[in-house]
Amino acid sequence: MDRMAKSLKEKLKIIRFLPKDAKTVLDVGCADGSVTIAMAELFPWINFLGVDLNEAFIDKAKENSKHLKNINFEKVYLRELLTREAYYDAIVFLLGVARILHIWRRAVLGFKSFG
């Protein structure tokens, strides 16, 4: 982990919450997969699935993870993914503050439209 960029190190602090016996981890909103790939390298016995809606991000993540056998990336809506019969020992959901504020603002505006 010493060679990683500081921002990636910060994001990887999430790994302390992974169950010790985890076998499968879902990364929602994985973007270009950098965090998912780093986790897969650190935990080769865990299978990772990274999902995002941006096809360019997914393509980049797939390209950057070709050397790993314990990782997959997919462009899929979370609601579609939840209809599948799949089980994950942990779900990682990292969003930047700007993205969280954007989602919150959209939610507030949506609620205001209902009176």
Protein backbone atom coordinates (compact mmCIF):
# COMPACT_ATOMS: atom_id res chain seq x y z
CA MET A 1 0.00 0.00 0.00
CA ASP A 2 2.97 2.32 0.36
CA ARG A 3 3.21 2.92 -3.40
CA MET A 4 -0.43 4.00 -3.78
CA ALA A 5 -1.53 7.57 -4.26
CA LYS A 6 -2.67 9.29 -1.08
CA SER A 7 -6.29 9.61 -2.24
CA LEU A 8 -6.43 5.90 -3.02
CA LYS A 9 -4.95 5.11 0.40
CA GLU A 10 -7.67 7.23 1.98
CA LYS A 11 -10.40 5.42 0.07
CA LEU A 12 -8.93 2.05 0.98
CA LYS A 13 -9.50 2.74 4.67
CA ILE A 14 -12.86 1.11 3.94
CA ILE A 15 -11.17 -2.31 3.96
CA ARG A 16 -11.10 -2.37 7.75
CA PHE A 17 -14.87 -2.91 7.59
CA LEU A 18 -14.69 -5.96 5.32
CA PRO A 19 -15.65 -9.13 7.17
CA LYS A 20 -12.64 -11.32 7.84
CA ASP A 21 -14.37 -14.31 6.24
CA ALA A 22 -15.71 -12.39 3.20
CA LYS A 23 -15.79 -14.29 -0.06
CA THR A 24 -17.68 -11.80 -2.23
CA VAL A 25 -17.70 -7.99 -2.27
CA LEU A 26 -19.83 -5.66 -4.38
CA ASP A 27 -18.49 -2.18 -5.17
CA VAL A 28 -21.38 0.10 -6.17
CA GLY A 29 -20.37 3.11 -8.25
CA CYS A 30 -16.88 1.75 -8.81
CA ALA A 31 -15.98 4.41 -11.43
CA ASP A 32 -12.73 3.42 -13.15
CA GLY A 33 -12.28 0.53 -10.74
CA SER A 34 -9.11 1.78 -9.06
CA VAL A 35 -10.39 1.08 -5.54
CA THR A 36 -11.93 -2.25 -6.53
CA ILE A 37 -8.73 -3.33 -8.28
CA ALA A 38 -6.61 -2.33 -5.29
CA MET A 39 -8.88 -4.34 -2.96
CA ALA A 40 -8.73 -7.35 -5.30
CA GLU A 41 -4.93 -7.18 -5.26
CA LEU A 42 -4.85 -6.95 -1.47
CA PHE A 43 -7.39 -9.78 -1.01
CA PRO A 44 -6.85 -12.35 -3.78
CA TRP A 45 -9.12 -14.87 -2.00
CA ILE A 46 -12.15 -12.54 -2.26
CA ASN A 47 -14.20 -12.19 -5.45
CA PHE A 48 -15.08 -8.58 -6.34
CA LEU A 49 -17.78 -7.20 -8.58
CA GLY A 50 -17.59 -3.51 -9.48
CA VAL A 51 -20.67 -1.88 -10.99
CA ASP A 52 -21.15 1.54 -12.50
CA LEU A 53 -23.43 3.17 -15.07
CA ASN A 54 -20.62 4.81 -17.02
CA GLU A 55 -19.57 2.44 -19.79
CA ALA A 56 -16.25 4.24 -20.34
CA PHE A 57 -15.38 3.70 -16.66
CA ILE A 58 -16.30 0.02 -16.88
CA ASP A 59 -14.21 -0.43 -20.03
CA LYS A 60 -11.21 1.19 -18.31
CA ALA A 61 -11.68 -0.93 -15.20
CA LYS A 62 -11.82 -4.12 -17.26
CA GLU A 63 -8.67 -3.13 -19.13
CA ASN A 64 -6.79 -2.32 -15.91
CA SER A 65 -7.83 -5.54 -14.17
CA LYS A 66 -6.96 -8.09 -16.85
CA HIS A 67 -4.19 -9.47 -14.64
CA LEU A 68 -6.65 -10.38 -11.86
CA LYS A 69 -8.86 -13.46 -11.73
CA ASN A 70 -10.92 -12.44 -8.70
CA ILE A 71 -12.62 -9.37 -10.18
CA ASN A 72 -15.37 -8.49 -12.65
CA PHE A 73 -16.88 -5.21 -13.76
CA GLU A 74 -20.32 -4.59 -15.14
CA LYS A 75 -22.43 -1.69 -16.35
CA VAL A 76 -25.72 -2.29 -14.57
CA TYR A 77 -28.36 -0.43 -12.60
CA LEU A 78 -28.35 -1.37 -8.92
CA ARG A 79 -32.07 -2.10 -9.01
CA GLU A 80 -31.44 -4.65 -11.80
CA LEU A 81 -28.56 -6.18 -9.90
CA LEU A 82 -30.75 -6.61 -6.82
CA THR A 83 -33.19 -8.78 -8.79
CA ARG A 84 -30.48 -11.41 -9.31
CA GLU A 85 -29.97 -14.30 -6.96
CA ALA A 86 -26.59 -13.26 -5.69
CA TYR A 87 -25.16 -12.83 -2.24
CA TYR A 88 -22.41 -10.41 -1.18
CA ASP A 89 -20.60 -10.54 2.12
CA ALA A 90 -19.95 -6.80 1.90
CA ILE A 91 -21.06 -3.86 -0.21
CA VAL A 92 -18.72 -0.94 -0.76
CA PHE A 93 -20.29 2.37 -1.73
CA LEU A 94 -17.83 5.25 -2.06
CA LEU A 95 -19.03 8.59 -3.36
CA GLY A 96 -17.28 11.89 -3.44
CA VAL A 97 -18.80 14.77 -1.50
CA ALA A 98 -19.75 16.60 -4.70
CA ARG A 99 -21.66 13.55 -5.94
CA ILE A 100 -23.45 13.12 -2.61
CA LEU A 101 -24.50 16.78 -2.64
CA HIS A 102 -25.76 16.41 -6.22
CA ILE A 103 -27.87 13.36 -5.29
CA TRP A 104 -29.16 15.10 -2.17
CA ARG A 105 -30.11 18.22 -4.15
CA ARG A 106 -31.98 16.14 -6.72
CA ALA A 107 -33.81 14.31 -3.95
CA VAL A 108 -34.81 17.54 -2.22
CA LEU A 109 -36.04 19.06 -5.47
CA GLY A 110 -37.97 15.89 -6.18
CA PHE A 111 -39.65 15.99 -2.77
CA LYS A 112 -40.54 19.66 -3.21
CA SER A 113 -42.33 18.83 -6.46
CA PHE A 114 -44.71 16.63 -4.44
CA GLY A 115 -45.76 19.57 -2.32
